[in-house]
Amino acid sequence: MPARLSGHEYLHAGDAARAIRLAAEGELAGVYNVGTGRLYHATDVADALRLAVPGVPVHAVPAAVDAPPPLAVERIRRDLPGWRCRDLAAGITDLVATLRDNAWLAGAPPAEPTEEHR
């Protein structure tokens, strides 16, 4: 894992979509940061991958520079109290499960439909 993966917030697309839907349904006005409020580093990404895919050979290069602060997410947490985003490990675990269940997303040819799905 390259060091450039450090110093970022990693947000699951489903969590972002849910925040946008809840904000629209709640008729919220103004600007909201949709994020985790936490910066992750390449070592965190590598650790999450190891949890999601036991035995995966992954090595992370630690970041050599400081990153900017994470997004301020207090307002969205206050105004959308039911919304929370999954942490990095849960997001990567969900991504791995999605890729395993839908191999075509990872570039494999789509499976033939079963009799049930025809």
N, C-alpha and C. Protein backbone atom coordinates (compact mmCIF):
# COMPACT_ATOMS: atom_id res chain seq x y z
N MET A 1 0.84 -1.15 0.00
CA MET A 1 0.00 0.00 0.00
C MET A 1 0.90 1.24 0.00
N PRO A 2 0.74 2.09 -0.97
CA PRO A 2 1.59 3.29 -1.02
C PRO A 2 1.19 4.31 0.05
N ALA A 3 2.14 5.10 0.44
CA ALA A 3 1.90 6.11 1.47
C ALA A 3 0.84 7.11 1.04
N ARG A 4 0.64 7.28 -0.28
CA ARG A 4 -0.35 8.28 -0.73
C ARG A 4 -1.78 7.90 -0.32
N LEU A 5 -1.98 6.68 0.14
CA LEU A 5 -3.29 6.28 0.65
C LEU A 5 -3.52 6.80 2.06
N SER A 6 -2.52 7.43 2.63
CA SER A 6 -2.62 7.97 3.98
C SER A 6 -3.22 9.37 3.98
N GLY A 7 -3.83 9.69 5.11
CA GLY A 7 -4.33 11.04 5.31
C GLY A 7 -5.64 11.32 4.61
N HIS A 8 -6.45 10.28 4.42
CA HIS A 8 -7.73 10.45 3.76
C HIS A 8 -8.85 9.91 4.64
N GLU A 9 -10.05 10.44 4.41
CA GLU A 9 -11.24 9.82 4.97
C GLU A 9 -11.73 8.84 3.92
N TYR A 10 -12.07 7.67 4.33
CA TYR A 10 -12.64 6.68 3.42
C TYR A 10 -14.09 6.48 3.81
N LEU A 11 -14.97 6.84 2.90
CA LEU A 11 -16.41 6.78 3.16
C LEU A 11 -17.06 5.81 2.19
N HIS A 12 -17.83 4.88 2.71
CA HIS A 12 -18.54 3.91 1.89
C HIS A 12 -19.61 4.65 1.08
N ALA A 13 -19.71 4.34 -0.21
CA ALA A 13 -20.67 5.01 -1.09
C ALA A 13 -22.09 4.87 -0.58
N GLY A 14 -22.42 3.73 0.00
CA GLY A 14 -23.76 3.54 0.55
C GLY A 14 -24.04 4.48 1.70
N ASP A 15 -23.02 4.77 2.52
CA ASP A 15 -23.19 5.70 3.63
C ASP A 15 -23.38 7.12 3.12
N ALA A 16 -22.65 7.48 2.08
CA ALA A 16 -22.80 8.82 1.48
C ALA A 16 -24.20 8.96 0.89
N ALA A 17 -24.65 7.94 0.17
CA ALA A 17 -25.98 7.99 -0.45
C ALA A 17 -27.06 8.10 0.62
N ARG A 18 -26.92 7.36 1.69
CA ARG A 18 -27.92 7.41 2.76
C ARG A 18 -27.96 8.79 3.41
N ALA A 19 -26.81 9.40 3.62
CA ALA A 19 -26.77 10.75 4.21
C ALA A 19 -27.47 11.75 3.29
N ILE A 20 -27.22 11.65 2.00
CA ILE A 20 -27.86 12.57 1.05
C ILE A 20 -29.37 12.36 1.04
N ARG A 21 -29.81 11.09 1.05
CA ARG A 21 -31.24 10.81 1.06
C ARG A 21 -31.90 11.34 2.33
N LEU A 22 -31.30 11.08 3.48
CA LEU A 22 -31.85 11.56 4.74
C LEU A 22 -31.89 13.09 4.80
N ALA A 23 -30.85 13.73 4.28
CA ALA A 23 -30.83 15.20 4.27
C ALA A 23 -31.94 15.74 3.38
N ALA A 24 -32.15 15.12 2.23
CA ALA A 24 -33.21 15.57 1.32
C ALA A 24 -34.58 15.33 1.94
N GLU A 25 -34.79 14.19 2.54
CA GLU A 25 -36.07 13.88 3.17
C GLU A 25 -36.35 14.80 4.35
N GLY A 26 -35.29 15.19 5.05
CA GLY A 26 -35.44 16.06 6.20
C GLY A 26 -35.47 17.53 5.84
N GLU A 27 -35.34 17.81 4.56
CA GLU A 27 -35.34 19.18 4.05
C GLU A 27 -34.32 20.06 4.77
N LEU A 28 -33.14 19.53 4.96
CA LEU A 28 -32.07 20.30 5.58
C LEU A 28 -31.55 21.33 4.59
N ALA A 29 -31.12 22.44 5.10
CA ALA A 29 -30.58 23.50 4.25
C ALA A 29 -29.14 23.78 4.64
N GLY A 30 -28.37 24.24 3.68
CA GLY A 30 -26.99 24.60 3.96
C GLY A 30 -26.02 23.54 3.51
N VAL A 31 -24.79 23.72 3.92
CA VAL A 31 -23.71 22.82 3.51
C VAL A 31 -23.41 21.86 4.65
N TYR A 32 -23.30 20.60 4.28
CA TYR A 32 -22.96 19.56 5.25
C TYR A 32 -21.76 18.77 4.73
N ASN A 33 -20.84 18.50 5.62
CA ASN A 33 -19.75 17.59 5.29
C ASN A 33 -20.23 16.18 5.56
N VAL A 34 -20.14 15.33 4.56
CA VAL A 34 -20.49 13.93 4.73
C VAL A 34 -19.16 13.18 4.76
N GLY A 35 -18.82 12.70 5.90
CA GLY A 35 -17.54 12.02 6.05
C GLY A 35 -17.47 11.29 7.37
N THR A 36 -16.33 10.71 7.61
CA THR A 36 -16.13 9.93 8.83
C THR A 36 -15.67 10.78 10.00
N GLY A 37 -15.05 11.92 9.67
CA GLY A 37 -14.47 12.74 10.72
C GLY A 37 -13.15 12.17 11.23
N ARG A 38 -12.64 11.19 10.51
CA ARG A 38 -11.37 10.55 10.91
C ARG A 38 -10.51 10.32 9.67
N LEU A 39 -9.24 10.60 9.81
CA LEU A 39 -8.29 10.30 8.75
C LEU A 39 -7.71 8.91 8.96
N TYR A 40 -7.62 8.19 7.87
CA TYR A 40 -7.00 6.87 7.92
C TYR A 40 -5.67 6.93 7.19
N HIS A 41 -4.82 6.00 7.52
CA HIS A 41 -3.50 5.93 6.91
C HIS A 41 -3.35 4.61 6.16
N ALA A 42 -2.33 4.52 5.35
CA ALA A 42 -2.09 3.30 4.57
C ALA A 42 -2.02 2.08 5.48
N THR A 43 -1.46 2.23 6.65
CA THR A 43 -1.38 1.10 7.57
C THR A 43 -2.78 0.67 8.03
N ASP A 44 -3.70 1.64 8.20
CA ASP A 44 -5.09 1.30 8.57
C ASP A 44 -5.77 0.54 7.44
N VAL A 45 -5.53 0.98 6.19
CA VAL A 45 -6.12 0.31 5.02
C VAL A 45 -5.59 -1.12 4.95
N ALA A 46 -4.30 -1.29 5.14
CA ALA A 46 -3.70 -2.63 5.11
C ALA A 46 -4.29 -3.51 6.21
N ASP A 47 -4.43 -2.98 7.41
CA ASP A 47 -5.01 -3.75 8.51
C ASP A 47 -6.45 -4.16 8.19
N ALA A 48 -7.23 -3.24 7.61
CA ALA A 48 -8.61 -3.55 7.27
C ALA A 48 -8.68 -4.61 6.18
N LEU A 49 -7.78 -4.55 5.22
CA LEU A 49 -7.73 -5.58 4.18
C LEU A 49 -7.39 -6.94 4.76
N ARG A 50 -6.46 -6.96 5.71
CA ARG A 50 -6.09 -8.24 6.34
C ARG A 50 -7.26 -8.83 7.10
N LEU A 51 -8.08 -7.98 7.72
CA LEU A 51 -9.27 -8.47 8.43
C LEU A 51 -10.30 -9.02 7.45
N ALA A 52 -10.50 -8.31 6.33
CA ALA A 52 -11.51 -8.70 5.36
C ALA A 52 -11.10 -9.90 4.53
N VAL A 53 -9.81 -10.03 4.29
CA VAL A 53 -9.29 -11.12 3.45
C VAL A 53 -8.11 -11.75 4.20
N PRO A 54 -8.40 -12.63 5.14
CA PRO A 54 -7.32 -13.24 5.91
C PRO A 54 -6.29 -13.89 4.99
N GLY A 55 -5.04 -13.64 5.32
CA GLY A 55 -3.95 -14.23 4.56
C GLY A 55 -3.50 -13.40 3.37
N VAL A 56 -4.18 -12.29 3.09
CA VAL A 56 -3.78 -11.46 1.94
C VAL A 56 -2.40 -10.87 2.23
N PRO A 57 -1.49 -10.96 1.28
CA PRO A 57 -0.15 -10.40 1.50
C PRO A 57 -0.15 -8.90 1.19
N VAL A 58 -0.26 -8.09 2.20
CA VAL A 58 -0.30 -6.65 2.00
C VAL A 58 0.68 -5.98 2.96
N HIS A 59 1.39 -5.01 2.45
CA HIS A 59 2.35 -4.26 3.25
C HIS A 59 2.07 -2.78 3.02
N ALA A 60 2.10 -2.01 4.06
CA ALA A 60 1.82 -0.58 3.95
C ALA A 60 3.07 0.24 4.22
N VAL A 61 3.22 1.29 3.45
CA VAL A 61 4.31 2.24 3.66
C VAL A 61 3.74 3.39 4.50
N PRO A 62 4.29 3.64 5.67
CA PRO A 62 3.77 4.73 6.50
C PRO A 62 3.91 6.08 5.80
N ALA A 63 3.00 6.98 6.10
CA ALA A 63 3.02 8.32 5.52
C ALA A 63 4.19 9.11 6.08
N ALA A 64 4.82 9.88 5.20
CA ALA A 64 5.97 10.67 5.61
C ALA A 64 5.60 12.13 5.89
N VAL A 65 4.40 12.53 5.51
CA VAL A 65 3.98 13.93 5.70
C VAL A 65 2.70 13.97 6.50
N ASP A 66 2.49 15.12 7.11
CA ASP A 66 1.24 15.31 7.84
C ASP A 66 0.11 15.56 6.86
N ALA A 67 -1.08 15.14 7.24
CA ALA A 67 -2.26 15.31 6.40
C ALA A 67 -3.09 16.47 6.94
N PRO A 68 -3.95 17.03 6.09
CA PRO A 68 -4.86 18.06 6.58
C PRO A 68 -5.84 17.44 7.57
N PRO A 69 -6.51 18.25 8.36
CA PRO A 69 -7.45 17.68 9.32
C PRO A 69 -8.65 17.05 8.62
N PRO A 70 -9.33 16.14 9.31
CA PRO A 70 -10.52 15.53 8.71
C PRO A 70 -11.66 16.55 8.61
N LEU A 71 -12.68 16.18 7.84
CA LEU A 71 -13.84 17.06 7.72
C LEU A 71 -14.53 17.21 9.07
N ALA A 72 -15.08 18.38 9.30
CA ALA A 72 -15.88 18.61 10.50
C ALA A 72 -17.26 18.03 10.24
N VAL A 73 -17.64 17.01 10.99
CA VAL A 73 -18.90 16.32 10.76
C VAL A 73 -19.89 16.48 11.90
N GLU A 74 -19.61 17.40 12.81
CA GLU A 74 -20.49 17.58 13.96
C GLU A 74 -21.90 18.01 13.54
N ARG A 75 -21.98 18.85 12.51
CA ARG A 75 -23.29 19.38 12.09
C ARG A 75 -24.17 18.26 11.53
N ILE A 76 -23.62 17.42 10.67
CA ILE A 76 -24.44 16.33 10.11
C ILE A 76 -24.82 15.33 11.19
N ARG A 77 -23.94 15.09 12.12
CA ARG A 77 -24.27 14.17 13.21
C ARG A 77 -25.35 14.74 14.12
N ARG A 78 -25.34 16.06 14.28
CA ARG A 78 -26.37 16.71 15.09
C ARG A 78 -27.71 16.71 14.37
N ASP A 79 -27.70 17.11 13.08
CA ASP A 79 -28.96 17.30 12.35
C ASP A 79 -29.53 16.01 11.76
N LEU A 80 -28.71 14.99 11.62
CA LEU A 80 -29.17 13.67 11.17
C LEU A 80 -28.74 12.63 12.20
N PRO A 81 -29.37 12.66 13.38
CA PRO A 81 -28.88 11.79 14.46
C PRO A 81 -28.96 10.30 14.14
N GLY A 82 -29.78 9.89 13.18
CA GLY A 82 -29.88 8.48 12.83
C GLY A 82 -28.82 8.03 11.84
N TRP A 83 -28.06 8.98 11.29
CA TRP A 83 -27.05 8.62 10.29
C TRP A 83 -25.69 8.41 10.94
N ARG A 84 -25.10 7.32 10.64
CA ARG A 84 -23.71 7.05 11.01
C ARG A 84 -23.07 6.31 9.85
N CYS A 85 -21.79 6.50 9.69
CA CYS A 85 -21.09 5.78 8.63
C CYS A 85 -20.28 4.65 9.25
N ARG A 86 -20.08 3.63 8.43
CA ARG A 86 -19.30 2.50 8.92
C ARG A 86 -17.82 2.88 8.95
N ASP A 87 -17.09 2.22 9.82
CA ASP A 87 -15.66 2.50 9.89
C ASP A 87 -14.95 1.83 8.71
N LEU A 88 -13.68 2.09 8.57
CA LEU A 88 -12.91 1.59 7.44
C LEU A 88 -12.96 0.07 7.34
N ALA A 89 -12.76 -0.62 8.44
CA ALA A 89 -12.75 -2.09 8.41
C ALA A 89 -14.11 -2.62 7.94
N ALA A 90 -15.20 -2.07 8.45
CA ALA A 90 -16.53 -2.53 8.04
C ALA A 90 -16.77 -2.21 6.57
N GLY A 91 -16.34 -1.04 6.12
CA GLY A 91 -16.53 -0.67 4.72
C GLY A 91 -15.76 -1.57 3.77
N ILE A 92 -14.53 -1.89 4.11
CA ILE A 92 -13.73 -2.77 3.25
C ILE A 92 -14.29 -4.19 3.30
N THR A 93 -14.73 -4.64 4.47
CA THR A 93 -15.35 -5.96 4.57
C THR A 93 -16.60 -6.03 3.69
N ASP A 94 -17.42 -4.99 3.71
CA ASP A 94 -18.62 -4.95 2.85
C ASP A 94 -18.23 -4.94 1.37
N LEU A 95 -17.19 -4.19 1.02
CA LEU A 95 -16.74 -4.14 -0.36
C LEU A 95 -16.26 -5.52 -0.83
N VAL A 96 -15.48 -6.18 0.00
CA VAL A 96 -14.98 -7.52 -0.35
C VAL A 96 -16.15 -8.48 -0.54
N ALA A 97 -17.15 -8.42 0.33
CA ALA A 97 -18.32 -9.29 0.21
C ALA A 97 -19.08 -9.00 -1.08
N THR A 98 -19.21 -7.72 -1.43
CA THR A 98 -19.89 -7.35 -2.67
C THR A 98 -19.14 -7.88 -3.87
N LEU A 99 -17.82 -7.75 -3.87
CA LEU A 99 -17.02 -8.25 -4.98
C LEU A 99 -17.08 -9.77 -5.08
N ARG A 100 -17.10 -10.43 -3.95
CA ARG A 100 -17.20 -11.90 -3.97
C ARG A 100 -18.57 -12.34 -4.51
N ASP A 101 -19.61 -11.63 -4.14
CA ASP A 101 -20.96 -11.98 -4.58
C ASP A 101 -21.24 -11.56 -6.01
N ASN A 102 -20.46 -10.62 -6.52
CA ASN A 102 -20.67 -10.07 -7.87
C ASN A 102 -19.32 -9.99 -8.57
N ALA A 103 -18.76 -11.13 -8.90
CA ALA A 103 -17.41 -11.18 -9.45
C ALA A 103 -17.24 -10.32 -10.69
N TRP A 104 -18.32 -10.08 -11.43
CA TRP A 104 -18.22 -9.25 -12.64
C TRP A 104 -17.77 -7.83 -12.31
N LEU A 105 -18.03 -7.37 -11.09
CA LEU A 105 -17.58 -6.03 -10.69
C LEU A 105 -16.06 -5.94 -10.65
N ALA A 106 -15.42 -7.06 -10.40
CA ALA A 106 -13.96 -7.10 -10.33
C ALA A 106 -13.34 -7.51 -11.66
N GLY A 107 -14.17 -7.56 -12.72
CA GLY A 107 -13.65 -7.86 -14.05
C GLY A 107 -13.87 -9.28 -14.52
N ALA A 108 -14.43 -10.14 -13.67
CA ALA A 108 -14.72 -11.50 -14.10
C ALA A 108 -15.98 -11.49 -14.96
N PRO A 109 -16.12 -12.44 -15.87
CA PRO A 109 -17.34 -12.47 -16.68
C PRO A 109 -18.55 -12.75 -15.80
N PRO A 110 -19.70 -12.19 -16.15
CA PRO A 110 -20.90 -12.44 -15.33
C PRO A 110 -21.29 -13.90 -15.38
N ALA A 111 -21.83 -14.37 -14.28
CA ALA A 111 -22.29 -15.76 -14.21
C ALA A 111 -23.56 -15.91 -15.04
N GLU A 112 -23.74 -17.11 -15.53
CA GLU A 112 -24.98 -17.40 -16.25
C GLU A 112 -26.14 -17.35 -15.26
N PRO A 113 -27.29 -16.81 -15.66
CA PRO A 113 -28.43 -16.77 -14.75
C PRO A 113 -28.90 -18.18 -14.40
N THR A 114 -29.30 -18.35 -13.18
CA THR A 114 -29.83 -19.64 -12.77
C THR A 114 -31.26 -19.74 -13.26
N GLU A 115 -31.83 -20.93 -13.21
CA GLU A 115 -33.21 -21.15 -13.65
C GLU A 115 -34.16 -20.23 -12.88
N GLU A 116 -33.86 -20.02 -11.61
CA GLU A 116 -34.70 -19.17 -10.75
C GLU A 116 -34.72 -17.72 -11.22
N HIS A 117 -33.63 -17.25 -11.86
CA HIS A 117 -33.51 -15.85 -12.27
C HIS A 117 -33.76 -15.61 -13.75
N ARG A 118 -34.28 -16.60 -14.46
CA ARG A 118 -34.57 -16.43 -15.89
C ARG A 118 -35.95 -15.90 -16.09
